[in-house]
Amino acid sequence: MHNLQQKLSSTLKKRGAPEAKKKLATLTRHELQVLFESPFTPINLFLLLPSRARGQMLIALSKKSKLRTISKLSDEQLVATIEELGSQQIRELMASIEKKRGALILGKINRSTRKHVELLLTFESESAGGIMDVDIIRVNKDHTVGDIVNRIKDKDIANRKHGVVLSSKGKKQRYLPLRKLITSPTTETAGNIAEHLPTIHAHVDQENILHIIAENNCDMVGVLSELDELIGVIHVNDLIDIASVEATEDIYKFAGVHPGETIHDSFLQKIKKRSPWLLLNLATAFLASLVIAQFADTISQIAILAALMPVVAGEGGNAATQALAVAVRGLSTGTISPQVGRLLVIREAAAGLCNGVITGIVAGCISILMGGSIMLGVVLCTALSINLFVAGGVGAFVPLVLKRMNIDPAVASSVFVTTATDIVGFLSFLGLASLLLL
């Protein structure tokens, strides 16, 4: 991609902007994004993109590249870049613009868009109000489909998403699905084809919106003010992006990776974001090592125990992760009630015990083939059964407790669960070995 940047820069210098624009037009969106993620790409190439394409590209760039690009644009260039974007996209970019400059930029865009962006900025970025689309089309029940379609075709709203809603008050809102606008006769009235619009208050977290969409099987959700007035809508397409972001955050948290980390971060940034988590895990790992230290004499007398300890700990960790994933997933989708939670813990513990017996018998037989005694096989089988039983129960129980304490289960669960399985695994294996093999 560095070669591409050099070629484009050379074309711009030797053959002028028209030729460079032609070459840019042949690049895919992904190629363009990689090109402008590079700190070596001159801002002149970015300015060769059409203004709307510049705005969309600015939205797509990583936070670091976005900040760098915005800093190189003059106020006039920045206004020209974002003024064709929707209100929600402009609101997203405002987070990357210094506050004083952002106010200046907002003052230069058209009054209607500025009013919408200012409303969006009053809400948290991950709330319903922060992600809603305020560019909605309000119609009366007597308006015909033909009238509405003509409004959608109007040049001022041609490039926007079309949230068509009936003018009404309170939570009993209705909207016109795009499929009905396309298939209904032009003389049909809006009141006859409108459908129920589920609503949510503006300050509710975005994760709850996904549940509403799933329960109602609808195209959009209405967003209400504190006075129960409809102030915007959230489209199902936007929720796909939200679901992707939420899933990515949960996966990152689950692995102990900072949610804001990207492939473009430097190694120093990666160290800064990851080291606290690793240090926390180091502290918990030493708790397990203290258990091992208590059985140093046992291990010195039966050396094969040292080779088999990782089997017990590893199987316990894997079983706990399985139960943990099920519990965290259930909590994130809102499908776990207190009654379901109790049943989940019992089922996961029972499944862990059964899996512990199965894997324990196999592991015990292998340990005998490795030269161990039959009693060693019994010890290994019993320890695995105990550890996987605990792993299943703890893996399901810990996320429920953390959720009750308003702590994100995706972030903190794995630390407690892996510590518990390590300690129980080593304690049961080495303790039984001390009692039965010496």
Protein backbone atom coordinates (compact mmCIF):
# COMPACT_ATOMS: atom_id res chain seq x y z
CA MET A 1 0.00 0.00 0.00
CA HIS A 2 2.99 2.30 0.51
CA ASN A 3 3.82 1.81 -3.19
CA LEU A 4 0.23 2.79 -4.09
CA GLN A 5 0.53 5.94 -2.02
CA GLN A 6 3.77 6.83 -3.80
CA LYS A 7 2.25 6.17 -7.23
CA LEU A 8 -0.80 8.32 -6.48
CA SER A 9 1.34 11.12 -5.10
CA SER A 10 3.55 10.93 -8.20
CA THR A 11 0.51 11.00 -10.50
CA LEU A 12 -0.87 14.04 -8.68
CA LYS A 13 2.44 15.87 -8.95
CA LYS A 14 3.27 15.00 -12.57
CA ARG A 15 -0.11 14.61 -14.27
CA GLY A 16 -2.43 16.68 -12.11
CA ALA A 17 -5.55 16.18 -10.02
CA PRO A 18 -7.85 14.78 -12.78
CA GLU A 19 -5.59 11.76 -13.39
CA ALA A 20 -5.11 11.15 -9.67
CA LYS A 21 -8.90 11.28 -9.20
CA LYS A 22 -9.34 8.64 -11.89
CA LYS A 23 -6.91 6.31 -10.13
CA LEU A 24 -8.62 6.88 -6.78
CA ALA A 25 -11.97 6.04 -8.38
CA THR A 26 -10.68 2.56 -9.33
CA LEU A 27 -9.86 1.64 -5.72
CA THR A 28 -12.23 -0.37 -3.55
CA ARG A 29 -13.52 1.03 -0.27
CA HIS A 30 -11.18 -1.25 1.64
CA GLU A 31 -8.17 -0.15 -0.42
CA LEU A 32 -9.08 3.49 0.16
CA GLN A 33 -9.38 2.95 3.90
CA VAL A 34 -5.99 1.24 4.11
CA LEU A 35 -4.51 4.07 2.02
CA PHE A 36 -5.83 6.80 4.32
CA GLU A 37 -5.01 4.89 7.51
CA SER A 38 -1.35 5.42 6.60
CA PRO A 39 0.25 8.47 8.26
CA PHE A 40 2.36 8.94 5.11
CA THR A 41 -0.57 9.58 2.76
CA PRO A 42 -0.69 13.34 2.00
CA ILE A 43 -3.89 15.19 2.79
CA ASN A 44 -4.02 16.39 -0.84
CA LEU A 45 -5.01 12.88 -1.93
CA PHE A 46 -7.83 12.81 0.63
CA LEU A 47 -9.13 16.12 -0.69
CA LEU A 48 -9.37 14.66 -4.20
CA LEU A 49 -12.25 12.46 -3.09
CA PRO A 50 -15.79 13.83 -3.67
CA SER A 51 -17.02 15.64 -0.56
CA ARG A 52 -19.59 12.96 0.33
CA ALA A 53 -17.00 10.20 -0.16
CA ARG A 54 -14.59 12.13 2.08
CA GLY A 55 -17.19 12.24 4.82
CA GLN A 56 -17.92 8.52 4.57
CA MET A 57 -14.20 7.72 4.58
CA LEU A 58 -13.65 9.90 7.63
CA ILE A 59 -16.37 7.92 9.43
CA ALA A 60 -14.69 4.62 8.49
CA LEU A 61 -11.17 5.54 9.66
CA SER A 62 -9.78 4.40 13.01
CA LYS A 63 -9.84 6.93 15.85
CA LYS A 64 -6.14 7.70 15.51
CA SER A 65 -6.30 8.21 11.72
CA LYS A 66 -9.50 10.21 12.08
CA LEU A 67 -7.87 12.63 14.53
CA ARG A 68 -4.81 12.97 12.31
CA THR A 69 -6.87 13.65 9.17
CA ILE A 70 -9.16 16.15 10.87
CA SER A 71 -6.17 18.07 12.23
CA LYS A 72 -4.85 18.54 8.69
CA LEU A 73 -8.13 19.91 7.29
CA SER A 74 -8.97 23.60 7.43
CA ASP A 75 -12.34 24.58 8.91
CA GLU A 76 -13.75 25.18 5.42
CA GLN A 77 -12.49 21.82 4.17
CA LEU A 78 -13.90 20.05 7.22
CA VAL A 79 -17.31 21.70 6.79
CA ALA A 80 -17.37 20.71 3.10
CA THR A 81 -16.41 17.15 4.10
CA ILE A 82 -19.17 16.61 6.67
CA GLU A 83 -22.06 18.81 5.55
CA GLU A 84 -23.52 16.12 3.28
CA LEU A 85 -23.48 13.50 6.03
CA GLY A 86 -26.52 12.63 8.13
CA SER A 87 -26.97 14.19 11.57
CA GLN A 88 -25.97 10.97 13.33
CA GLN A 89 -22.73 10.68 11.34
CA ILE A 90 -21.83 14.30 12.09
CA ARG A 91 -22.54 13.66 15.77
CA GLU A 92 -20.13 10.70 15.63
CA LEU A 93 -17.40 12.87 14.13
CA MET A 94 -17.87 15.58 16.75
CA ALA A 95 -16.26 13.21 19.28
CA SER A 96 -13.02 13.43 17.26
CA ILE A 97 -13.00 17.22 17.01
CA GLU A 98 -11.67 19.50 19.74
CA LYS A 99 -14.65 20.99 21.60
CA LYS A 100 -14.03 24.64 20.72
CA ARG A 101 -13.39 23.83 17.07
CA GLY A 102 -16.42 21.53 16.98
CA ALA A 103 -18.69 24.37 18.08
CA LEU A 104 -17.23 26.55 15.33
CA ILE A 105 -17.77 23.83 12.70
CA LEU A 106 -21.36 23.26 13.82
CA GLY A 107 -22.02 26.97 13.48
CA LYS A 108 -21.10 26.79 9.78
CA ILE A 109 -23.42 23.95 8.72
CA ASN A 110 -27.08 24.48 7.87
CA ARG A 111 -29.41 25.39 10.75
CA SER A 112 -31.68 22.33 10.53
CA THR A 113 -28.80 19.85 10.64
CA ARG A 114 -27.07 21.80 13.40
CA LYS A 115 -30.23 21.63 15.53
CA HIS A 116 -30.42 17.85 15.08
CA VAL A 117 -26.74 17.32 15.90
CA GLU A 118 -26.98 19.48 19.02
CA LEU A 119 -29.93 17.34 20.18
CA LEU A 120 -27.94 14.15 19.63
CA LEU A 121 -24.99 15.55 21.57
CA THR A 122 -27.15 15.90 24.69
CA PHE A 123 -27.26 12.10 25.05
CA GLU A 124 -24.60 9.52 25.89
CA SER A 125 -23.02 7.99 22.78
CA GLU A 126 -24.19 4.44 23.64
CA SER A 127 -27.74 5.41 24.65
CA ALA A 128 -30.82 5.24 22.45
CA GLY A 129 -30.77 9.03 22.12
CA GLY A 130 -27.11 9.00 21.14
CA ILE A 131 -27.56 6.59 18.21
CA MET A 132 -31.01 7.58 16.96
CA ASP A 133 -31.79 9.06 13.56
CA VAL A 134 -33.56 12.39 13.94
CA ASP A 135 -34.07 12.90 10.19
CA ILE A 136 -37.57 11.41 10.25
CA ILE A 137 -40.54 12.11 7.98
CA ARG A 138 -43.78 12.81 9.82
CA VAL A 139 -47.09 12.25 8.03
CA ASN A 140 -50.77 12.35 8.92
CA LYS A 141 -53.09 9.37 8.70
CA ASP A 142 -54.89 10.92 5.70
CA HIS A 143 -51.74 11.32 3.59
CA THR A 144 -51.66 8.95 0.62
CA VAL A 145 -48.81 6.66 -0.32
CA GLY A 146 -48.28 8.79 -3.43
CA ASP A 147 -47.87 11.94 -1.33
CA ILE A 148 -45.37 10.22 0.95
CA VAL A 149 -43.30 8.78 -1.89
CA ASN A 150 -43.10 12.23 -3.47
CA ARG A 151 -41.77 13.62 -0.21
CA ILE A 152 -39.14 10.88 -0.06
CA LYS A 153 -38.09 11.76 -3.60
CA ASP A 154 -37.55 15.38 -2.59
CA LYS A 155 -33.95 16.38 -3.27
CA ASP A 156 -33.37 17.52 0.32
CA ILE A 157 -33.95 14.06 1.80
CA ALA A 158 -33.02 11.83 -1.12
CA ASN A 159 -29.83 10.55 0.51
CA ARG A 160 -31.24 9.90 3.96
CA LYS A 161 -32.78 6.86 5.57
CA HIS A 162 -36.53 7.11 5.58
CA GLY A 163 -38.13 6.80 8.99
CA VAL A 164 -41.75 7.52 8.08
CA VAL A 165 -43.95 7.87 11.17
CA LEU A 166 -47.51 8.96 11.84
CA SER A 167 -47.89 12.15 13.84
CA SER A 168 -49.12 11.06 17.29
CA LYS A 169 -48.35 11.52 20.98
CA GLY A 170 -47.24 9.16 23.74
CA LYS A 171 -46.02 5.60 23.50
CA LYS A 172 -48.65 4.47 20.99
CA GLN A 173 -46.60 5.31 17.94
CA ARG A 174 -47.03 3.92 14.42
CA TYR A 175 -44.79 3.88 11.37
CA LEU A 176 -44.93 3.00 7.68
CA PRO A 177 -42.61 0.10 6.70
CA LEU A 178 -40.76 0.63 3.43
CA ARG A 179 -42.15 -2.65 2.05
CA LYS A 180 -45.72 -1.30 2.39
CA LEU A 181 -44.84 2.01 0.76
CA ILE A 182 -43.48 0.06 -2.21
CA THR A 183 -46.33 -2.44 -2.59
CA SER A 184 -49.40 -0.36 -1.62
CA PRO A 185 -51.52 1.57 -4.18
CA THR A 186 -50.61 5.25 -4.41
CA THR A 187 -54.14 6.15 -3.28
CA GLU A 188 -53.93 4.14 -0.06
CA THR A 189 -53.85 6.26 3.10
CA ALA A 190 -51.10 6.15 5.69
CA GLY A 191 -53.52 5.32 8.49
CA ASN A 192 -54.56 2.08 6.78
CA ILE A 193 -51.06 0.64 6.32
CA ALA A 194 -49.27 1.93 9.41
CA GLU A 195 -47.89 -0.61 11.90
CA HIS A 196 -47.12 -0.44 15.61
CA LEU A 197 -43.78 1.23 16.37
CA PRO A 198 -42.08 -0.13 19.52
CA THR A 199 -40.58 2.69 21.57
CA ILE A 200 -37.78 3.18 24.06
CA HIS A 201 -36.73 6.18 26.11
CA ALA A 202 -33.71 8.15 24.95
CA HIS A 203 -31.49 7.45 27.98
CA VAL A 204 -31.79 3.64 27.80
CA ASP A 205 -28.58 1.76 26.91
CA GLN A 206 -28.24 0.57 23.32
CA GLU A 207 -28.01 -3.12 24.30
CA ASN A 208 -31.69 -3.08 25.34
CA ILE A 209 -32.71 -1.93 21.85
CA LEU A 210 -31.51 -5.22 20.37
CA HIS A 211 -33.92 -7.09 22.65
CA ILE A 212 -36.86 -4.94 21.52
CA ILE A 213 -36.08 -5.52 17.84
CA ALA A 214 -35.86 -9.28 18.41
CA GLU A 215 -39.14 -9.39 20.35
CA ASN A 216 -41.16 -7.26 17.92
CA ASN A 217 -39.69 -8.31 14.56
CA CYS A 218 -39.83 -4.71 13.32
CA ASP A 219 -37.83 -2.45 11.00
CA MET A 220 -37.18 0.31 13.52
CA VAL A 221 -37.66 1.48 17.09
CA GLY A 222 -38.98 4.88 18.14
CA VAL A 223 -37.06 6.99 20.65
CA LEU A 224 -39.04 9.03 23.19
CA SER A 225 -38.09 12.10 25.22
CA GLU A 226 -38.80 12.37 28.94
CA LEU A 227 -42.15 13.90 27.94
CA ASP A 228 -42.96 10.82 25.79
CA GLU A 229 -42.55 12.78 22.57
CA LEU A 230 -41.09 10.95 19.56
CA ILE A 231 -37.72 12.59 18.85
CA GLY A 232 -36.10 10.00 16.58
CA VAL A 233 -35.96 6.43 15.34
CA ILE A 234 -33.35 3.68 15.25
CA HIS A 235 -33.18 1.61 12.07
CA VAL A 236 -32.59 -2.14 12.14
CA ASN A 237 -29.57 -1.70 9.83
CA ASP A 238 -27.94 0.52 12.44
CA LEU A 239 -28.57 -2.16 15.05
CA ILE A 240 -26.53 -4.64 13.02
CA ASP A 241 -23.56 -2.32 13.46
CA ILE A 242 -24.36 -1.98 17.17
CA ALA A 243 -24.58 -5.74 17.58
CA SER A 244 -21.22 -6.08 15.86
CA VAL A 245 -19.65 -3.47 18.13
CA GLU A 246 -21.17 -5.01 21.27
CA ALA A 247 -20.02 -8.50 20.24
CA THR A 248 -16.51 -7.22 19.52
CA GLU A 249 -16.36 -5.44 22.88
CA ASP A 250 -17.52 -8.58 24.71
CA ILE A 251 -14.98 -10.76 22.89
CA TYR A 252 -12.20 -8.27 23.66
CA LYS A 253 -13.24 -8.00 27.31
CA PHE A 254 -13.52 -11.77 27.59
CA ALA A 255 -9.93 -12.07 26.40
CA GLY A 256 -8.66 -9.22 28.55
CA VAL A 257 -8.14 -6.88 25.60
CA HIS A 258 -9.06 -3.19 25.78
CA PRO A 259 -12.29 -2.58 23.74
CA GLY A 260 -10.67 0.39 22.01
CA GLU A 261 -7.68 -1.57 20.68
CA THR A 262 -7.33 -1.80 16.90
CA ILE A 263 -4.91 -3.45 14.47
CA HIS A 264 -3.43 0.01 13.85
CA ASP A 265 -2.28 0.56 17.45
CA SER A 266 1.47 0.72 18.00
CA PHE A 267 3.16 -1.93 20.15
CA LEU A 268 3.53 0.63 22.96
CA GLN A 269 -0.21 1.29 22.92
CA LYS A 270 -0.87 -2.45 22.99
CA ILE A 271 1.45 -2.85 25.98
CA LYS A 272 -0.30 -0.03 27.84
CA LYS A 273 -3.76 -1.49 27.23
CA ARG A 274 -2.94 -5.12 27.95
CA SER A 275 -0.42 -5.04 30.81
CA PRO A 276 -2.92 -4.19 33.63
CA TRP A 277 -4.98 -7.27 32.76
CA LEU A 278 -1.88 -9.48 32.59
CA LEU A 279 -0.65 -8.18 35.95
CA LEU A 280 -4.03 -8.96 37.51
CA ASN A 281 -3.87 -12.48 36.11
CA LEU A 282 -0.32 -12.79 37.44
CA ALA A 283 -1.54 -11.97 40.94
CA THR A 284 -4.25 -14.63 40.80
CA ALA A 285 -1.81 -17.15 39.31
CA PHE A 286 0.37 -16.80 42.40
CA LEU A 287 -2.60 -17.85 44.55
CA ALA A 288 -2.64 -21.17 42.68
CA SER A 289 1.15 -21.46 43.04
CA LEU A 290 0.81 -21.09 46.82
CA VAL A 291 -1.43 -24.17 46.82
CA ILE A 292 1.20 -26.12 44.86
CA ALA A 293 3.92 -25.00 47.27
CA GLN A 294 2.05 -26.65 50.17
CA PHE A 295 2.54 -30.03 48.48
CA ALA A 296 6.21 -29.68 47.53
CA ASP A 297 7.15 -32.81 49.49
CA THR A 298 4.47 -34.88 47.78
CA ILE A 299 5.60 -33.75 44.33
CA SER A 300 9.26 -34.46 45.16
CA GLN A 301 8.38 -38.03 46.14
CA ILE A 302 6.06 -38.71 43.18
CA ALA A 303 7.59 -36.84 40.24
CA ILE A 304 4.88 -37.86 37.76
CA LEU A 305 2.44 -35.59 39.63
CA ALA A 306 4.22 -32.55 38.18
CA ALA A 307 3.55 -33.82 34.66
CA LEU A 308 -0.15 -34.44 35.35
CA MET A 309 -1.02 -31.21 37.21
CA PRO A 310 -1.51 -29.16 33.99
CA VAL A 311 -4.06 -31.77 32.83
CA VAL A 312 -6.30 -31.10 35.83
CA ALA A 313 -5.94 -27.31 35.67
CA GLY A 314 -6.29 -27.13 31.88
CA GLU A 315 -9.44 -29.27 31.73
CA GLY A 316 -10.98 -27.24 34.55
CA GLY A 317 -10.21 -23.97 32.78
CA ASN A 318 -11.74 -25.20 29.51
CA ALA A 319 -14.90 -26.46 31.21
CA ALA A 320 -15.27 -23.19 33.12
CA THR A 321 -14.89 -21.16 29.92
CA GLN A 322 -17.68 -23.17 28.29
CA ALA A 323 -20.08 -22.51 31.18
CA LEU A 324 -18.93 -18.90 31.38
CA ALA A 325 -19.65 -18.31 27.69
CA VAL A 326 -23.19 -19.67 28.04
CA ALA A 327 -23.91 -17.53 31.11
CA VAL A 328 -22.44 -14.30 29.71
CA ARG A 329 -24.31 -14.82 26.43
CA GLY A 330 -27.57 -15.37 28.29
CA LEU A 331 -27.06 -12.24 30.37
CA SER A 332 -26.20 -10.11 27.33
CA THR A 333 -29.37 -11.20 25.51
CA GLY A 334 -31.57 -10.80 28.59
CA THR A 335 -32.75 -14.43 28.56
CA ILE A 336 -31.59 -15.30 32.08
CA SER A 337 -34.07 -14.58 34.88
CA PRO A 338 -33.31 -15.43 38.57
CA GLN A 339 -35.18 -18.74 38.21
CA VAL A 340 -33.39 -19.61 34.97
CA GLY A 341 -30.08 -18.58 36.55
CA ARG A 342 -30.43 -21.06 39.41
CA LEU A 343 -31.34 -23.84 37.00
CA LEU A 344 -28.41 -22.91 34.76
CA VAL A 345 -25.92 -23.25 37.65
CA ILE A 346 -27.31 -26.69 38.55
CA ARG A 347 -27.25 -27.91 34.96
CA GLU A 348 -23.73 -26.64 34.27
CA ALA A 349 -22.42 -28.20 37.49
CA ALA A 350 -24.10 -31.53 36.63
CA ALA A 351 -22.73 -31.42 33.08
CA GLY A 352 -19.28 -30.61 34.48
CA LEU A 353 -19.43 -33.59 36.83
CA CYS A 354 -20.42 -35.99 34.04
CA ASN A 355 -17.73 -34.62 31.72
CA GLY A 356 -15.25 -34.86 34.60
CA VAL A 357 -15.99 -38.55 35.07
CA ILE A 358 -15.67 -39.22 31.32
CA THR A 359 -12.42 -37.30 30.87
CA GLY A 360 -11.15 -38.55 34.22
CA ILE A 361 -11.50 -42.21 33.20
CA VAL A 362 -9.66 -41.53 29.93
CA ALA A 363 -6.93 -39.50 31.70
CA GLY A 364 -6.57 -42.12 34.42
CA CYS A 365 -6.00 -44.86 31.85
CA ILE A 366 -3.40 -42.74 30.07
CA SER A 367 -1.57 -42.05 33.35
CA ILE A 368 -1.34 -45.80 33.98
CA LEU A 369 0.08 -46.34 30.48
CA MET A 370 2.66 -43.64 31.30
CA GLY A 371 3.93 -45.79 34.16
CA GLY A 372 1.73 -44.64 37.01
CA SER A 373 -0.10 -46.91 39.43
CA ILE A 374 -3.79 -47.80 39.30
CA MET A 375 -4.31 -45.67 42.39
CA LEU A 376 -2.73 -42.70 40.59
CA GLY A 377 -5.30 -43.17 37.84
CA VAL A 378 -8.06 -43.15 40.46
CA VAL A 379 -6.67 -39.95 41.99
CA LEU A 380 -6.49 -38.25 38.60
CA CYS A 381 -10.02 -39.34 37.67
CA THR A 382 -11.44 -38.15 40.99
CA ALA A 383 -9.62 -34.78 40.83
CA LEU A 384 -10.87 -34.14 37.31
CA SER A 385 -14.43 -35.01 38.33
CA ILE A 386 -14.27 -32.60 41.28
CA ASN A 387 -12.63 -29.79 39.30
CA LEU A 388 -15.01 -29.97 36.32
CA PHE A 389 -17.98 -30.08 38.70
CA VAL A 390 -16.74 -26.89 40.36
CA ALA A 391 -15.81 -25.37 36.97
CA GLY A 392 -19.33 -25.79 35.60
CA GLY A 393 -21.02 -24.39 38.69
CA VAL A 394 -18.61 -21.50 39.23
CA GLY A 395 -18.50 -20.68 35.51
CA ALA A 396 -22.27 -20.15 35.51
CA PHE A 397 -22.56 -18.67 39.03
CA VAL A 398 -19.88 -15.95 38.94
CA PRO A 399 -21.35 -13.98 35.98
CA LEU A 400 -24.76 -13.96 37.68
CA VAL A 401 -23.28 -12.56 40.90
CA LEU A 402 -21.24 -9.93 39.06
CA LYS A 403 -24.31 -8.86 37.07
CA ARG A 404 -26.25 -8.46 40.32
CA MET A 405 -23.39 -6.24 41.60
CA ASN A 406 -23.54 -4.13 38.39
CA ILE A 407 -20.08 -5.34 37.31
CA ASP A 408 -19.65 -6.31 33.65
CA PRO A 409 -19.45 -10.15 33.64
CA ALA A 410 -17.52 -10.17 30.37
CA VAL A 411 -14.70 -8.21 31.97
CA ALA A 412 -14.24 -9.75 35.42
CA SER A 413 -15.65 -13.30 35.31
CA SER A 414 -12.68 -15.09 33.79
CA VAL A 415 -10.28 -13.87 36.51
CA PHE A 416 -12.37 -15.33 39.34
CA VAL A 417 -13.36 -18.49 37.49
CA THR A 418 -9.87 -19.52 36.32
CA THR A 419 -8.46 -18.79 39.78
CA ALA A 420 -11.14 -21.00 41.34
CA THR A 421 -10.56 -23.90 38.95
CA ASP A 422 -6.77 -23.72 39.33
CA ILE A 423 -6.94 -23.72 43.12
CA VAL A 424 -9.60 -26.47 43.31
CA GLY A 425 -7.81 -28.53 40.66
CA PHE A 426 -4.40 -28.43 42.33
CA LEU A 427 -5.85 -28.82 45.82
CA SER A 428 -7.97 -31.84 44.92
CA PHE A 429 -5.27 -33.58 42.85
CA LEU A 430 -2.34 -32.99 45.18
CA GLY A 431 -4.43 -33.43 48.32
CA LEU A 432 -5.78 -36.79 47.18
CA ALA A 433 -2.29 -37.83 46.09
CA SER A 434 -0.93 -37.01 49.56
CA LEU A 435 -3.68 -39.03 51.22
CA LEU A 436 -3.78 -42.06 48.95
CA LEU A 437 -0.33 -42.41 47.36
CA LEU A 438 2.07 -41.75 50.24
